[in-house]
Structure formats: C-alpha cells, structure tokens
C-alpha cells in the first residue's frame, strides 16, 4: 500500500511540526515520529482505519 500526502496535507504537517517545536524543543520531532508511526500502522493494517477518500 502506498500512502500519498497531498501537498496541502504535507505542508500542514510541517507547520504543525514547527509549531510544536516552538512550544518545546524536541516536541516537533516527537510529533513527526507520531505521524510516521500512524502512517506505518495504516499501511500495515489498512482495514483497521477508515478510508477518507477513494484516491
């Protein structure tokens, strides 16, 4: 399964990472790791997560 982030979603993740980092050093990294883990889980168990769009 291939996960594709739309450019808008990717930008939103980067902005959130920057915001968390500005709140506390290292928190941006923790946020990005949480996103990576969530994507990894979705690729390993796709039926455990709701489908948002067809494509």
PDB file of N, CA and C in Angstrom:
ATOM      1  N   UNK A   1       0.843  -1.170   0.000  1.00  0.00           N
ATOM      2  CA  UNK A   1       0.000   0.000   0.000  1.00  0.00           C
ATOM      3  C   UNK A   1       0.895   1.242   0.000  1.00  0.00           C
ATOM      4  N   UNK A   2       0.571   2.176  -0.838  1.00  0.00           N
ATOM      5  CA  UNK A   2       1.328   3.418  -0.920  1.00  0.00           C
ATOM      6  C   UNK A   2       0.513   4.546  -0.300  1.00  0.00           C
ATOM      7  N   UNK A   3       1.142   5.290   0.582  1.00  0.00           N
ATOM      8  CA  UNK A   3       0.500   6.445   1.210  1.00  0.00           C
ATOM      9  C   UNK A   3       0.995   7.690   0.499  1.00  0.00           C
ATOM     10  N   UNK A   4       0.053   8.500   0.060  1.00  0.00           N
ATOM     11  CA  UNK A   4       0.398   9.740  -0.636  1.00  0.00           C
ATOM     12  C   UNK A   4      -0.210  10.902   0.128  1.00  0.00           C
ATOM     13  N   UNK A   5       0.634  11.831   0.508  1.00  0.00           N
ATOM     14  CA  UNK A   5       0.164  13.046   1.149  1.00  0.00           C
ATOM     15  C   UNK A   5      -0.031  14.100   0.070  1.00  0.00           C
ATOM     16  N   UNK A   6      -1.169  14.713   0.061  1.00  0.00           N
ATOM     17  CA  UNK A   6      -1.371  15.846  -0.838  1.00  0.00           C
ATOM     18  C   UNK A   6      -0.465  16.973  -0.362  1.00  0.00           C
ATOM     19  N   UNK A   7      -0.056  17.854  -1.281  1.00  0.00           N
ATOM     20  CA  UNK A   7       0.843  18.945  -0.887  1.00  0.00           C
ATOM     21  C   UNK A   7       0.300  19.776   0.276  1.00  0.00           C
ATOM     22  N   UNK A   8      -0.999  20.008   0.300  1.00  0.00           N
ATOM     23  CA  UNK A   8      -1.595  20.792   1.383  1.00  0.00           C
ATOM     24  C   UNK A   8      -1.461  20.065   2.724  1.00  0.00           C
ATOM     25  N   UNK A   9      -1.666  18.766   2.710  1.00  0.00           N
ATOM     26  CA  UNK A   9      -1.552  17.984   3.942  1.00  0.00           C
ATOM     27  C   UNK A   9      -0.103  17.928   4.415  1.00  0.00           C
ATOM     28  N   UNK A  10       0.801  17.751   3.478  1.00  0.00           N
ATOM     29  CA  UNK A  10       2.218  17.728   3.822  1.00  0.00           C
ATOM     30  C   UNK A  10       2.646  19.060   4.440  1.00  0.00           C
ATOM     31  N   UNK A  11       2.188  20.150   3.859  1.00  0.00           N
ATOM     32  CA  UNK A  11       2.505  21.477   4.393  1.00  0.00           C
ATOM     33  C   UNK A  11       1.927  21.642   5.797  1.00  0.00           C
ATOM     34  N   UNK A  12       0.726  21.140   6.007  1.00  0.00           N
ATOM     35  CA  UNK A  12       0.093  21.238   7.318  1.00  0.00           C
ATOM     36  C   UNK A  12       0.890  20.466   8.372  1.00  0.00           C
ATOM     37  N   UNK A  13       1.398  19.302   7.994  1.00  0.00           N
ATOM     38  CA  UNK A  13       2.219  18.517   8.920  1.00  0.00           C
ATOM     39  C   UNK A  13       3.493  19.282   9.272  1.00  0.00           C
ATOM     40  N   UNK A  14       4.147  19.873   8.274  1.00  0.00           N
ATOM     41  CA  UNK A  14       5.363  20.644   8.529  1.00  0.00           C
ATOM     42  C   UNK A  14       5.081  21.843   9.425  1.00  0.00           C
ATOM     43  N   UNK A  15       3.975  22.521   9.176  1.00  0.00           N
ATOM     44  CA  UNK A  15       3.616  23.675  10.007  1.00  0.00           C
ATOM     45  C   UNK A  15       3.334  23.247  11.449  1.00  0.00           C
ATOM     46  N   UNK A  16       2.648  22.137  11.602  1.00  0.00           N
ATOM     47  CA  UNK A  16       2.368  21.631  12.951  1.00  0.00           C
ATOM     48  C   UNK A  16       3.663  21.236  13.650  1.00  0.00           C
ATOM     49  N   UNK A  17       4.560  20.609  12.921  1.00  0.00           N
ATOM     50  CA  UNK A  17       5.850  20.230  13.492  1.00  0.00           C
ATOM     51  C   UNK A  17       6.600  21.472  13.973  1.00  0.00           C
ATOM     52  N   UNK A  18       6.621  22.511  13.158  1.00  0.00           N
ATOM     53  CA  UNK A  18       7.287  23.758  13.547  1.00  0.00           C
ATOM     54  C   UNK A  18       6.631  24.377  14.772  1.00  0.00           C
ATOM     55  N   UNK A  19       5.300  24.339  14.819  1.00  0.00           N
ATOM     56  CA  UNK A  19       4.577  24.920  15.957  1.00  0.00           C
ATOM     57  C   UNK A  19       4.922  24.173  17.244  1.00  0.00           C
ATOM     58  N   UNK A  20       4.875  22.835  17.188  1.00  0.00           N
ATOM     59  CA  UNK A  20       5.211  22.049  18.369  1.00  0.00           C
ATOM     60  C   UNK A  20       6.650  22.300  18.806  1.00  0.00           C
ATOM     61  N   UNK A  21       7.549  22.420  17.839  1.00  0.00           N
ATOM     62  CA  UNK A  21       8.951  22.683  18.167  1.00  0.00           C
ATOM     63  C   UNK A  21       9.106  24.041  18.843  1.00  0.00           C
ATOM     64  N   UNK A  22       8.305  25.015  18.421  1.00  0.00           N
ATOM     65  CA  UNK A  22       8.385  26.343  19.033  1.00  0.00           C
ATOM     66  C   UNK A  22       7.847  26.333  20.466  1.00  0.00           C
ATOM     67  N   UNK A  23       6.978  25.374  20.764  1.00  0.00           N
ATOM     68  CA  UNK A  23       6.445  25.265  22.132  1.00  0.00           C
ATOM     69  C   UNK A  23       7.459  24.662  23.082  1.00  0.00           C
ATOM     70  N   UNK A  24       8.193  23.675  22.580  1.00  0.00           N
ATOM     71  CA  UNK A  24       9.175  23.000  23.422  1.00  0.00           C
ATOM     72  C   UNK A  24      10.178  22.281  22.521  1.00  0.00           C
ATOM     73  N   UNK A  25      11.472  22.549  22.687  1.00  0.00           N
ATOM     74  CA  UNK A  25      12.475  21.879  21.852  1.00  0.00           C
ATOM     75  C   UNK A  25      12.351  20.366  21.932  1.00  0.00           C
ATOM     76  N   UNK A  26      12.326  19.743  20.767  1.00  0.00           N
ATOM     77  CA  UNK A  26      12.199  18.288  20.692  1.00  0.00           C
ATOM     78  C   UNK A  26      10.774  17.819  20.485  1.00  0.00           C
ATOM     79  N   UNK A  27       9.804  18.660  20.798  1.00  0.00           N
ATOM     80  CA  UNK A  27       8.406  18.265  20.654  1.00  0.00           C
ATOM     81  C   UNK A  27       8.010  18.141  19.186  1.00  0.00           C
ATOM     82  N   UNK A  28       8.612  18.957  18.329  1.00  0.00           N
ATOM     83  CA  UNK A  28       8.356  18.844  16.892  1.00  0.00           C
ATOM     84  C   UNK A  28       8.792  17.496  16.365  1.00  0.00           C
ATOM     85  N   UNK A  29       9.935  17.022  16.849  1.00  0.00           N
ATOM     86  CA  UNK A  29      10.423  15.695  16.455  1.00  0.00           C
ATOM     87  C   UNK A  29       9.457  14.614  16.924  1.00  0.00           C
ATOM     88  N   UNK A  30       9.000  14.723  18.152  1.00  0.00           N
ATOM     89  CA  UNK A  30       8.050  13.742  18.689  1.00  0.00           C
ATOM     90  C   UNK A  30       6.769  13.720  17.856  1.00  0.00           C
ATOM     91  N   UNK A  31       6.312  14.885  17.450  1.00  0.00           N
ATOM     92  CA  UNK A  31       5.123  14.964  16.601  1.00  0.00           C
ATOM     93  C   UNK A  31       5.369  14.258  15.271  1.00  0.00           C
ATOM     94  N   UNK A  32       6.502  14.533  14.640  1.00  0.00           N
ATOM     95  CA  UNK A  32       6.778  13.915  13.339  1.00  0.00           C
ATOM     96  C   UNK A  32       6.902  12.402  13.469  1.00  0.00           C
ATOM     97  N   UNK A  33       7.463  11.917  14.576  1.00  0.00           N
ATOM     98  CA  UNK A  33       7.535  10.470  14.804  1.00  0.00           C
ATOM     99  C   UNK A  33       6.135   9.883  14.970  1.00  0.00           C
ATOM    100  N   UNK A  34       5.257  10.591  15.656  1.00  0.00           N
ATOM    101  CA  UNK A  34       3.884  10.105  15.841  1.00  0.00           C
ATOM    102  C   UNK A  34       3.174  10.006  14.494  1.00  0.00           C
ATOM    103  N   UNK A  35       3.407  10.966  13.612  1.00  0.00           N
ATOM    104  CA  UNK A  35       2.818  10.909  12.269  1.00  0.00           C
ATOM    105  C   UNK A  35       3.372   9.704  11.511  1.00  0.00           C
ATOM    106  N   UNK A  36       4.679   9.488  11.579  1.00  0.00           N
ATOM    107  CA  UNK A  36       5.292   8.340  10.900  1.00  0.00           C
ATOM    108  C   UNK A  36       4.727   7.022  11.404  1.00  0.00           C
ATOM    109  N   UNK A  37       4.563   6.901  12.711  1.00  0.00           N
ATOM    110  CA  UNK A  37       4.013   5.672  13.297  1.00  0.00           C
ATOM    111  C   UNK A  37       2.576   5.454  12.836  1.00  0.00           C
ATOM    112  N   UNK A  38       1.781   6.518  12.816  1.00  0.00           N
ATOM    113  CA  UNK A  38       0.388   6.392  12.377  1.00  0.00           C
ATOM    114  C   UNK A  38       0.307   5.952  10.920  1.00  0.00           C
ATOM    115  N   UNK A  39       1.165   6.505  10.083  1.00  0.00           N
ATOM    116  CA  UNK A  39       1.177   6.124   8.663  1.00  0.00           C
ATOM    117  C   UNK A  39       1.633   4.672   8.519  1.00  0.00           C
ATOM    118  N   UNK A  40       2.643   4.294   9.273  1.00  0.00           N
ATOM    119  CA  UNK A  40       3.121   2.914   9.221  1.00  0.00           C
ATOM    120  C   UNK A  40       2.030   1.928   9.641  1.00  0.00           C
ATOM    121  N   UNK A  41       1.316   2.256  10.711  1.00  0.00           N
ATOM    122  CA  UNK A  41       0.221   1.389  11.157  1.00  0.00           C
ATOM    123  C   UNK A  41      -0.874   1.292  10.098  1.00  0.00           C
ATOM    124  N   UNK A  42      -1.180   2.397   9.465  1.00  0.00           N
ATOM    125  CA  UNK A  42      -2.216   2.397   8.425  1.00  0.00           C
ATOM    126  C   UNK A  42      -1.796   1.548   7.236  1.00  0.00           C
ATOM    127  N   UNK A  43      -0.506   1.524   6.915  1.00  0.00           N
ATOM    128  CA  UNK A  43      -0.059   0.712   5.777  1.00  0.00           C
ATOM    129  C   UNK A  43      -0.021  -0.770   6.133  1.00  0.00           C
ATOM    130  N   UNK A  44       0.273  -1.081   7.400  1.00  0.00           N
ATOM    131  CA  UNK A  44       0.307  -2.490   7.807  1.00  0.00           C
ATOM    132  C   UNK A  44      -1.082  -3.065   8.030  1.00  0.00           C
ATOM    133  N   UNK A  45      -2.017  -2.232   8.476  1.00  0.00           N
ATOM    134  CA  UNK A  45      -3.370  -2.701   8.773  1.00  0.00           C
ATOM    135  C   UNK A  45      -4.391  -1.739   8.170  1.00  0.00           C
ATOM    136  N   UNK A  46      -4.486  -1.684   6.859  1.00  0.00           N
ATOM    137  CA  UNK A  46      -5.340  -0.683   6.219  1.00  0.00           C
ATOM    138  C   UNK A  46      -6.823  -0.820   6.547  1.00  0.00           C
ATOM    139  N   UNK A  47      -7.285  -2.009   6.842  1.00  0.00           N
ATOM    140  CA  UNK A  47      -8.706  -2.198   7.126  1.00  0.00           C
ATOM    141  C   UNK A  47      -9.075  -1.749   8.541  1.00  0.00           C
ATOM    142  N   UNK A  48      -8.076  -1.456   9.360  1.00  0.00           N
ATOM    143  CA  UNK A  48      -8.333  -1.003  10.723  1.00  0.00           C
ATOM    144  C   UNK A  48      -8.588   0.496  10.791  1.00  0.00           C
ATOM    145  N   UNK A  49      -8.434   1.180   9.658  1.00  0.00           N
ATOM    146  CA  UNK A  49      -8.588   2.627   9.618  1.00  0.00           C
ATOM    147  C   UNK A  49      -9.634   2.996   8.574  1.00  0.00           C
ATOM    148  N   UNK A  50     -10.420   4.012   8.843  1.00  0.00           N
ATOM    149  CA  UNK A  50     -11.437   4.404   7.864  1.00  0.00           C
ATOM    150  C   UNK A  50     -10.806   5.029   6.613  1.00  0.00           C
ATOM    151  N   UNK A  51     -11.425   4.778   5.471  1.00  0.00           N
ATOM    152  CA  UNK A  51     -10.962   5.375   4.234  1.00  0.00           C
ATOM    153  C   UNK A  51     -11.597   6.753   4.124  1.00  0.00           C
ATOM    154  N   UNK A  52     -10.775   7.765   3.868  1.00  0.00           N
ATOM    155  CA  UNK A  52     -11.279   9.125   3.811  1.00  0.00           C
ATOM    156  C   UNK A  52     -11.700   9.490   2.393  1.00  0.00           C
ATOM    157  N   UNK A  53     -10.890   9.091   1.435  1.00  0.00           N
ATOM    158  CA  UNK A  53     -11.186   9.370   0.031  1.00  0.00           C
ATOM    159  C   UNK A  53     -10.873   8.135  -0.802  1.00  0.00           C
ATOM    160  N   UNK A  54     -11.444   8.076  -2.004  1.00  0.00           N
ATOM    161  CA  UNK A  54     -11.219   6.922  -2.864  1.00  0.00           C
ATOM    162  C   UNK A  54      -9.812   6.869  -3.425  1.00  0.00           C
ATOM    163  N   UNK A  55      -9.218   8.002  -3.695  1.00  0.00           N
ATOM    164  CA  UNK A  55      -7.901   8.010  -4.333  1.00  0.00           C
ATOM    165  C   UNK A  55      -6.826   8.391  -3.362  1.00  0.00           C
TER     166      UNK A  55
END
